[in-house]
């Protein structure tokens, strides 16, 4: 029953009755007794019915014909012309209802309205016209407002879908880079230390399992992501000469609690440090990383690495473009990323409110 009521828009009927009752209350200065007598005193309220009928026709003609045909197509002058014609015709028909009412009763025009029959223009301009303009304005406001809300809802849905699609795409861009670097690290290790290569391969298998099966949710436990990060650091460290490069990694997992973070949000920063750290024998080579979560659930991470003199700072940070985009999408107004590129050092400071 309720579906049928909404399907055929029958709720418009009580809307129009309520709207004109309010106008009647205003015109009668709040005299409910007089209004009740007019509506139910035995005389057919022809004028009241005329207001409802003609204004409803004018409103729907405007909403479902004039607006789609002229306003939406940019024909503004034509639309305004026909809108004015519609309002004037509607007002004239309503005014004529005043003159037809005496035929349904034994009362004269003067007795019904307290006005002379030759006051057509007065009734037209002071009673019918303001009511018609008001109904047209209200209906257009409701219709256009509803259309805007629906369009905004669709826009938000599409934006959400686009964001989710973009995040999946950005995440997929990270994976091949990580796989290539890790496999290459184990490949180099096979000839140097087969036993250690087997252990590294086992760790790599654990990392792949995590990557394929455990991090498909929008957010994962920070402790798991940090454990993954430690395995990655251990594998990447194999590629560096410890005698030439100072490595400092302090990751405080005790403060992670049960907090969650978007998967692989931190990995690109560590990747970037290993990828672009200097390896020259004539300069100090280092990678230093400090990570913890404070009592306010704010993750604070600092990574600093040495770089070769003359290295292009844009190339040093090219691998961070994706993660910067992800930060903006997932943690808007909840993160701060600072990148400092000096002649020999490259430093990243990241804060995320989890």
Protein backbone atom coordinates (compact mmCIF):
# COMPACT_ATOMS: atom_id res chain seq x y z
CA UNK A 1 0.00 0.00 0.00
CA UNK A 2 2.81 2.40 0.94
CA UNK A 3 4.78 1.52 -2.21
CA UNK A 4 1.68 2.22 -4.30
CA UNK A 5 1.29 5.56 -2.52
CA UNK A 6 4.84 6.60 -3.48
CA UNK A 7 4.81 4.99 -6.92
CA UNK A 8 1.96 7.17 -8.15
CA UNK A 9 3.17 10.22 -6.18
CA UNK A 10 -0.10 10.49 -4.25
CA UNK A 11 1.79 12.23 -1.47
CA UNK A 12 1.65 15.35 -3.68
CA UNK A 13 -2.06 15.71 -2.88
CA UNK A 14 -1.65 16.35 0.89
CA UNK A 15 1.30 18.61 0.04
CA UNK A 16 -0.80 20.90 -2.12
CA UNK A 17 -3.70 20.92 0.34
CA UNK A 18 -1.36 21.82 3.20
CA UNK A 19 0.35 24.54 1.16
CA UNK A 20 -2.94 26.28 0.30
CA UNK A 21 -4.27 25.89 3.82
CA UNK A 22 -1.22 27.82 5.02
CA UNK A 23 -1.91 30.56 2.45
CA UNK A 24 -5.52 30.69 3.64
CA UNK A 25 -4.43 31.03 7.26
CA UNK A 26 -2.18 33.96 6.27
CA UNK A 27 -4.91 35.68 4.24
CA UNK A 28 -7.47 35.26 7.02
CA UNK A 29 -5.03 36.54 9.65
CA UNK A 30 -5.09 33.26 11.51
CA UNK A 31 -8.88 33.15 11.89
CA UNK A 32 -9.36 29.37 11.97
CA UNK A 33 -13.09 29.65 12.65
CA UNK A 34 -13.64 31.63 9.45
CA UNK A 35 -11.42 29.22 7.50
CA UNK A 36 -13.33 26.19 8.84
CA UNK A 37 -16.66 27.79 7.98
CA UNK A 38 -15.46 28.53 4.42
CA UNK A 39 -14.25 24.98 3.81
CA UNK A 40 -16.97 22.99 5.58
CA UNK A 41 -19.85 25.43 5.97
CA UNK A 42 -21.98 23.82 3.29
CA UNK A 43 -20.82 25.98 0.36
CA UNK A 44 -18.50 24.31 -2.17
CA UNK A 45 -15.06 26.01 -1.81
CA UNK A 46 -14.68 26.57 -5.54
CA UNK A 47 -11.97 29.18 -5.11
CA UNK A 48 -9.88 26.88 -2.89
CA UNK A 49 -10.22 23.97 -5.34
CA UNK A 50 -9.27 26.29 -8.20
CA UNK A 51 -6.07 27.33 -6.44
CA UNK A 52 -5.04 23.70 -5.89
CA UNK A 53 -5.96 22.48 -9.38
CA UNK A 54 -4.60 25.28 -11.56
CA UNK A 55 -1.39 25.85 -9.59
CA UNK A 56 -0.64 22.11 -9.55
CA UNK A 57 -1.06 21.98 -13.35
CA UNK A 58 1.16 25.05 -13.79
CA UNK A 59 3.85 23.67 -11.48
CA UNK A 60 4.00 20.25 -13.18
CA UNK A 61 3.96 21.88 -16.62
CA UNK A 62 6.98 23.91 -15.55
CA UNK A 63 8.85 21.02 -13.87
CA UNK A 64 8.30 18.31 -16.44
CA UNK A 65 8.06 20.28 -19.68
CA UNK A 66 9.53 23.78 -19.55
CA UNK A 67 12.60 23.01 -17.43
CA UNK A 68 13.72 19.86 -19.35
CA UNK A 69 13.00 21.39 -22.77
CA UNK A 70 14.33 24.92 -22.33
CA UNK A 71 16.23 25.44 -19.05
CA UNK A 72 18.37 22.28 -19.26
CA UNK A 73 19.19 22.98 -22.90
CA UNK A 74 20.38 26.51 -22.12
CA UNK A 75 17.48 28.36 -23.78
CA UNK A 76 17.10 30.74 -20.85
CA UNK A 77 15.21 33.56 -22.59
CA UNK A 78 12.67 31.16 -24.07
CA UNK A 79 12.26 29.47 -20.71
CA UNK A 80 11.66 32.74 -18.87
CA UNK A 81 9.13 33.83 -21.52
CA UNK A 82 7.06 30.65 -21.23
CA UNK A 83 7.38 30.62 -17.44
CA UNK A 84 5.88 34.11 -17.26
CA UNK A 85 3.09 33.08 -19.67
CA UNK A 86 2.37 30.01 -17.53
CA UNK A 87 2.17 32.09 -14.34
CA UNK A 88 -0.13 34.69 -15.94
CA UNK A 89 -2.46 32.07 -17.45
CA UNK A 90 -2.60 30.15 -14.18
CA UNK A 91 -3.33 33.34 -12.24
CA UNK A 92 -6.10 34.32 -14.68
CA UNK A 93 -7.75 30.89 -14.37
CA UNK A 94 -7.59 31.07 -10.58
CA UNK A 95 -9.14 34.55 -10.64
CA UNK A 96 -11.92 33.29 -12.88
CA UNK A 97 -12.70 30.76 -10.17
CA UNK A 98 -13.79 33.62 -7.95
CA UNK A 99 -16.46 34.54 -10.54
CA UNK A 100 -17.72 30.97 -11.07
CA UNK A 101 -18.26 30.37 -7.35
CA UNK A 102 -21.61 32.29 -7.16
CA UNK A 103 -23.12 29.86 -9.71
CA UNK A 104 -22.67 27.00 -7.19
CA UNK A 105 -24.24 28.92 -4.31
CA UNK A 106 -27.15 31.23 -3.63
CA UNK A 107 -24.75 33.94 -2.52
CA UNK A 108 -23.58 36.88 -4.59
CA UNK A 109 -19.97 37.77 -5.41
CA UNK A 110 -20.12 40.62 -2.88
CA UNK A 111 -21.47 38.31 -0.17
CA UNK A 112 -18.84 35.64 -0.82
CA UNK A 113 -15.73 37.81 -0.97
CA UNK A 114 -16.71 41.23 0.29
CA UNK A 115 -15.55 42.72 -2.99
CA UNK A 116 -17.15 44.16 -6.10
CA UNK A 117 -17.16 41.97 -9.25
CA UNK A 118 -15.33 44.70 -11.18
CA UNK A 119 -12.19 44.20 -9.04
CA UNK A 120 -10.69 41.52 -11.31
CA UNK A 121 -7.24 43.12 -11.51
CA UNK A 122 -7.17 43.66 -7.75
CA UNK A 123 -7.91 39.98 -7.08
CA UNK A 124 -5.48 38.99 -9.86
CA UNK A 125 -2.55 41.02 -8.49
CA UNK A 126 -3.05 40.89 -4.71
CA UNK A 127 -4.37 37.36 -4.15
CA UNK A 128 -3.90 34.96 -7.06
CA UNK A 129 -0.56 36.18 -8.45
CA UNK A 130 1.50 36.11 -5.19
CA UNK A 131 0.15 32.65 -4.37
CA UNK A 132 0.99 31.35 -7.84
CA UNK A 133 4.51 32.79 -7.79
CA UNK A 134 5.01 31.31 -4.32
CA UNK A 135 3.89 27.84 -5.39
CA UNK A 136 6.07 27.92 -8.52
CA UNK A 137 9.10 29.08 -6.55
CA UNK A 138 8.61 26.49 -3.80
CA UNK A 139 8.09 23.63 -6.25
CA UNK A 140 11.15 24.62 -8.32
CA UNK A 141 13.26 24.89 -5.18
CA UNK A 142 12.19 21.43 -4.00
CA UNK A 143 12.66 19.85 -7.41
CA UNK A 144 16.02 21.44 -8.18
CA UNK A 145 17.18 20.78 -4.63
CA UNK A 146 16.22 17.12 -4.96
CA UNK A 147 18.01 16.89 -8.31
CA UNK A 148 21.12 18.46 -6.80
CA UNK A 149 21.10 16.02 -3.88
CA UNK A 150 20.73 13.06 -6.24
CA UNK A 151 23.51 14.36 -8.47
CA UNK A 152 25.73 14.96 -5.45
CA UNK A 153 25.00 11.45 -4.15
CA UNK A 154 25.93 9.97 -7.52
CA UNK A 155 29.07 12.11 -7.64
CA UNK A 156 30.14 10.90 -4.19
CA UNK A 157 29.50 7.27 -5.14
CA UNK A 158 31.52 7.66 -8.35
CA UNK A 159 34.26 9.51 -6.46
CA UNK A 160 34.44 6.71 -3.90
CA UNK A 161 34.60 4.10 -6.65
CA UNK A 162 37.29 6.09 -8.44
CA UNK A 163 39.29 6.44 -5.23
CA UNK A 164 39.06 2.72 -4.51
CA UNK A 165 40.07 1.92 -8.09
CA UNK A 166 42.97 4.37 -7.92
CA UNK A 167 44.14 2.95 -4.58
CA UNK A 168 44.12 -0.57 -6.00
CA UNK A 169 46.06 0.67 -9.02
CA UNK A 170 48.61 2.50 -6.90
CA UNK A 171 49.01 -0.52 -4.68
CA UNK A 172 49.55 -2.77 -7.71
CA UNK A 173 52.31 -0.41 -8.88
CA UNK A 174 54.20 -0.99 -5.63
CA UNK A 175 54.16 -4.79 -5.78
CA UNK A 176 56.26 -5.43 -8.94
CA UNK A 177 58.95 -3.03 -7.73
CA UNK A 178 59.13 -4.81 -4.39
CA UNK A 179 59.16 -8.29 -5.94
CA UNK A 180 61.95 -7.41 -8.36
CA UNK A 181 64.21 -5.99 -5.64
CA UNK A 182 63.64 -8.89 -3.25
CA UNK A 183 64.18 -11.65 -5.80
CA UNK A 184 67.34 -9.91 -6.97
CA UNK A 185 68.62 -9.76 -3.39
CA UNK A 186 68.15 -13.51 -2.87
CA UNK A 187 69.69 -14.23 -6.28
CA UNK A 188 72.85 -12.34 -5.28
CA UNK A 189 72.96 -14.20 -1.96
CA UNK A 190 72.79 -17.71 -3.44
CA UNK A 191 76.46 -17.76 -4.48
CA UNK A 192 77.72 -16.02 -1.35
CA UNK A 193 75.92 -18.02 1.35
CA UNK A 194 73.51 -20.82 0.30
CA UNK A 195 72.32 -21.47 3.87
CA UNK A 196 71.48 -17.84 4.41
CA UNK A 197 69.84 -17.76 0.98
CA UNK A 198 67.50 -20.60 2.05
CA UNK A 199 66.58 -18.69 5.21
CA UNK A 200 66.03 -15.55 3.20
CA UNK A 201 63.87 -17.48 0.73
CA UNK A 202 61.75 -18.76 3.63
CA UNK A 203 61.35 -15.18 4.87
CA UNK A 204 60.49 -14.09 1.36
CA UNK A 205 57.83 -16.81 1.16
CA UNK A 206 56.34 -15.54 4.42
CA UNK A 207 56.30 -12.01 3.02
CA UNK A 208 54.57 -13.13 -0.17
CA UNK A 209 51.94 -14.98 1.86
CA UNK A 210 51.31 -11.83 3.82
CA UNK A 211 51.17 -9.75 0.66
CA UNK A 212 48.80 -12.07 -1.21
CA UNK A 213 46.44 -13.24 1.52
CA UNK A 214 46.65 -11.06 4.61
CA UNK A 215 46.65 -7.48 3.35
CA UNK A 216 43.62 -7.38 1.08
CA UNK A 217 41.58 -5.38 3.58
CA UNK A 218 41.47 -1.58 3.51
CA UNK A 219 43.51 -1.54 6.74
CA UNK A 220 45.64 -4.11 8.54
CA UNK A 221 47.20 -4.38 11.98
CA UNK A 222 50.21 -2.10 12.28
CA UNK A 223 52.18 -4.83 14.08
CA UNK A 224 51.89 -7.12 11.06
CA UNK A 225 52.94 -4.40 8.67
CA UNK A 226 55.95 -3.57 10.83
CA UNK A 227 56.95 -7.25 10.97
CA UNK A 228 56.74 -7.34 7.17
CA UNK A 229 58.91 -4.21 7.07
CA UNK A 230 61.55 -5.82 9.29
CA UNK A 231 61.74 -8.86 6.97
CA UNK A 232 62.10 -6.55 4.01
CA UNK A 233 64.92 -4.61 5.71
CA UNK A 234 66.71 -7.86 6.54
CA UNK A 235 66.62 -8.94 2.89
CA UNK A 236 67.67 -5.55 1.52
CA UNK A 237 70.53 -5.36 4.01
CA UNK A 238 72.08 -8.39 2.32
CA UNK A 239 72.74 -6.29 -0.76
CA UNK A 240 74.79 -3.70 1.10
CA UNK A 241 78.38 -3.84 2.29
CA UNK A 242 78.08 -3.48 6.07
CA UNK A 243 81.69 -2.28 6.28
CA UNK A 244 80.90 0.66 4.02
CA UNK A 245 77.33 1.49 5.10
CA UNK A 246 76.07 2.31 8.58
CA UNK A 247 72.62 0.83 9.17
CA UNK A 248 70.39 1.92 12.05
CA UNK A 249 66.81 0.65 12.29
CA UNK A 250 64.85 1.30 15.45
CA UNK A 251 61.25 0.14 15.13
CA UNK A 252 59.24 0.22 18.31
CA UNK A 253 56.42 -2.30 17.87
CA UNK A 254 55.44 -2.23 21.53
CA UNK A 255 53.63 1.08 21.01
CA UNK A 256 51.63 -0.22 18.03
CA UNK A 257 48.88 -1.69 20.27
CA UNK A 258 45.96 -2.81 18.10
CA UNK A 259 46.17 0.12 15.70
CA UNK A 260 45.62 -0.35 11.97
CA UNK A 261 47.19 1.21 8.91
CA UNK A 262 46.77 0.97 5.15
CA UNK A 263 48.90 -1.88 3.80
CA UNK A 264 52.32 -1.02 2.35
CA UNK A 265 52.02 2.63 3.30
CA UNK A 266 55.48 2.68 4.90
CA UNK A 267 57.31 0.29 2.57
CA UNK A 268 58.02 2.74 -0.32
CA UNK A 269 59.93 5.07 2.02
CA UNK A 270 62.23 2.24 3.11
CA UNK A 271 62.55 1.05 -0.49
CA UNK A 272 63.55 4.53 -1.55
CA UNK A 273 66.30 4.71 1.08
CA UNK A 274 67.84 1.39 0.02
CA UNK A 275 67.50 2.21 -3.66
CA UNK A 276 69.20 5.60 -3.51
CA UNK A 277 71.68 5.25 -0.64
CA UNK A 278 75.23 6.16 -1.62
CA UNK A 279 77.71 3.30 -2.00
CA UNK A 280 80.94 5.19 -2.58
CA UNK A 281 84.10 4.37 -0.63
CA UNK A 282 85.16 7.99 -0.33
CA UNK A 283 82.13 9.21 1.63
CA UNK A 284 80.07 8.21 4.62
CA UNK A 285 77.20 5.88 3.61
CA UNK A 286 74.26 5.34 5.95
CA UNK A 287 70.58 4.56 6.34
CA UNK A 288 68.93 5.53 9.62
CA UNK A 289 65.30 4.83 10.46
CA UNK A 290 63.34 5.58 13.63
CA UNK A 291 59.69 4.61 14.02
CA UNK A 292 57.30 4.66 16.96
CA UNK A 293 53.68 5.42 17.89
CA UNK A 294 53.10 7.91 20.69
CA UNK A 295 50.37 7.87 23.31
CA UNK A 296 48.06 9.88 21.05
CA UNK A 297 48.14 7.07 18.42
CA UNK A 298 50.28 9.19 16.14
CA UNK A 299 52.81 7.30 14.05
CA UNK A 300 56.13 9.11 13.71
CA UNK A 301 58.74 7.86 11.27
CA UNK A 302 62.05 9.37 10.20
CA UNK A 303 64.25 7.87 7.48
CA UNK A 304 67.52 9.45 6.45
CA UNK A 305 70.03 8.15 3.94
CA UNK A 306 73.21 9.37 2.35
CA UNK A 307 73.21 10.02 -1.35
CA UNK A 308 75.80 10.50 -4.02
CA UNK A 309 76.93 14.04 -4.64
CA UNK A 310 75.18 15.53 -7.65
CA UNK A 311 72.25 13.08 -7.49
CA UNK A 312 69.07 14.62 -8.88
CA UNK A 313 66.68 15.09 -5.95
CA UNK A 314 63.72 14.41 -8.24
CA UNK A 315 65.15 11.01 -9.15
CA UNK A 316 65.81 10.28 -5.50
CA UNK A 317 62.17 10.77 -4.67
CA UNK A 318 60.53 9.47 -7.82
CA UNK A 319 59.45 6.24 -6.10
CA UNK A 320 57.49 8.22 -3.52
CA UNK A 321 54.93 9.74 -5.87
CA UNK A 322 52.53 6.84 -5.49
CA UNK A 323 52.67 6.75 -1.72
CA UNK A 324 52.20 10.52 -1.55
CA UNK A 325 49.05 10.11 -3.61
CA UNK A 326 47.84 7.31 -1.34
CA UNK A 327 48.46 9.43 1.74
CA UNK A 328 46.35 12.22 0.28
CA UNK A 329 43.54 9.79 -0.55
CA UNK A 330 43.48 7.74 2.66
CA UNK A 331 44.68 10.19 5.32
CA UNK A 332 43.57 13.66 4.18
CA UNK A 333 44.25 16.24 6.89
CA UNK A 334 45.62 13.41 9.06
CA UNK A 335 49.21 13.20 7.89
CA UNK A 336 52.27 15.36 7.43
CA UNK A 337 55.09 14.46 5.08
CA UNK A 338 58.30 16.46 5.00
CA UNK A 339 61.05 15.74 2.46
CA UNK A 340 64.48 17.33 2.84
CA UNK A 341 67.03 16.89 0.10
CA UNK A 342 70.49 18.27 0.78
CA UNK A 343 73.74 17.87 -1.10
CA UNK A 344 74.67 14.53 0.51
CA UNK A 345 71.65 13.58 2.62
CA UNK A 346 68.04 12.71 1.88
CA UNK A 347 65.58 12.77 4.78
CA UNK A 348 61.91 11.95 5.10
CA UNK A 349 59.75 12.69 8.13
CA UNK A 350 56.26 11.22 8.19
CA UNK A 351 53.51 11.64 10.79
CA UNK A 352 50.16 9.82 10.50
CA UNK A 353 47.28 10.11 12.92
CA UNK A 354 46.02 6.51 13.15
